[in-house]
Amino acid sequence: MRPPSQLRQIAGSLLVALAIAAVAVAVVTAHFGPTSTARLEAREDAIDARVDAREERREAAEDRREEAEERREDGGDNSGPG
């Protein structure tokens, strides 16, 4: 009767090992998963905000340059004859 009892012991050991692994994965995921994801999302949001702000500053500077150029051109046309 030794083989059936060894088979039961091996099956029981495997089930316990799987249960321990499942609990360990659940605990680690619960502890690190959301925190890491939240941190990554916050970091990505901060990067996106910096990129957006930089783009807005670039566009504002470009608009100011274009307006200044238009004013110079308009001023040059008005000072012609007269």
Protein backbone atom coordinates (compact mmCIF):
# COMPACT_ATOMS: atom_id res chain seq x y z
CA MET A 1 0.00 0.00 0.00
CA ARG A 2 2.94 2.27 -0.19
CA PRO A 3 2.47 3.62 -3.75
CA PRO A 4 -1.05 5.01 -3.14
CA SER A 5 0.04 6.77 0.07
CA GLN A 6 3.08 8.24 -1.69
CA LEU A 7 0.83 9.37 -4.53
CA ARG A 8 -1.49 11.04 -2.02
CA GLN A 9 1.45 12.71 -0.31
CA ILE A 10 2.84 13.99 -3.62
CA ALA A 11 -0.58 15.25 -4.71
CA GLY A 12 -1.12 16.92 -1.34
CA SER A 13 2.32 18.50 -1.44
CA LEU A 14 1.69 19.84 -4.93
CA LEU A 15 -1.66 21.30 -3.90
CA VAL A 16 -0.10 22.98 -0.86
CA ALA A 17 2.77 24.32 -2.99
CA LEU A 18 0.29 25.75 -5.52
CA ALA A 19 -1.74 27.32 -2.72
CA ILE A 20 1.38 28.92 -1.21
CA ALA A 21 2.45 30.22 -4.62
CA ALA A 22 -1.02 31.62 -5.30
CA VAL A 23 -1.10 33.40 -1.93
CA ALA A 24 2.40 34.79 -2.47
CA VAL A 25 1.49 36.11 -5.92
CA ALA A 26 -1.73 37.66 -4.58
CA VAL A 27 0.08 39.35 -1.68
CA VAL A 28 2.88 40.72 -3.84
CA THR A 29 0.46 41.92 -6.51
CA ALA A 30 -1.78 43.55 -3.93
CA HIS A 31 1.18 45.26 -2.28
CA PHE A 32 3.17 46.41 -5.32
CA GLY A 33 0.73 46.33 -8.23
CA PRO A 34 -1.53 49.33 -7.71
CA THR A 35 1.19 51.43 -6.11
CA SER A 36 3.58 50.85 -8.96
CA THR A 37 0.87 51.45 -11.53
CA ALA A 38 -0.25 54.64 -9.81
CA ARG A 39 3.31 55.89 -9.64
CA LEU A 40 3.91 55.13 -13.30
CA GLU A 41 0.70 56.88 -14.30
CA ALA A 42 1.56 59.89 -12.16
CA ARG A 43 5.01 60.04 -13.73
CA GLU A 44 3.55 59.78 -17.23
CA ASP A 45 1.01 62.49 -16.41
CA ALA A 46 3.76 64.78 -15.16
CA ILE A 47 5.81 64.18 -18.31
CA ASP A 48 2.76 64.84 -20.49
CA ALA A 49 2.05 68.07 -18.61
CA ARG A 50 5.64 69.26 -19.09
CA VAL A 51 5.53 68.41 -22.79
CA ASP A 52 2.20 70.22 -23.18
CA ALA A 53 3.48 73.28 -21.33
CA ARG A 54 6.63 73.35 -23.44
CA GLU A 55 4.57 73.09 -26.63
CA GLU A 56 2.28 75.92 -25.50
CA ARG A 57 5.27 78.15 -24.70
CA ARG A 58 6.79 77.38 -28.09
CA GLU A 59 3.54 78.19 -29.86
CA ALA A 60 3.11 81.43 -27.87
CA ALA A 61 6.66 82.50 -28.74
CA GLU A 62 6.04 81.68 -32.40
CA ASP A 63 2.82 83.72 -32.36
CA ARG A 64 4.65 86.67 -30.78
CA ARG A 65 7.37 86.49 -33.43
CA GLU A 66 4.79 86.40 -36.23
CA GLU A 67 2.90 89.35 -34.74
CA ALA A 68 6.11 91.35 -34.36
CA GLU A 69 7.04 90.55 -37.96
CA GLU A 70 3.60 91.65 -39.18
CA ARG A 71 3.88 94.89 -37.23
CA ARG A 72 7.29 95.57 -38.79
CA GLU A 73 5.92 94.86 -42.26
CA ASP A 74 2.86 97.05 -41.68
CA GLY A 75 5.02 99.84 -40.29
CA GLY A 76 7.30 99.70 -43.34
CA ASP A 77 4.36 99.95 -45.78
CA ASN A 78 2.82 102.96 -44.01
CA SER A 79 6.03 104.97 -43.92
CA GLY A 80 6.48 104.94 -47.72
CA PRO A 81 5.03 107.95 -49.58
CA GLY A 82 3.84 110.87 -47.63
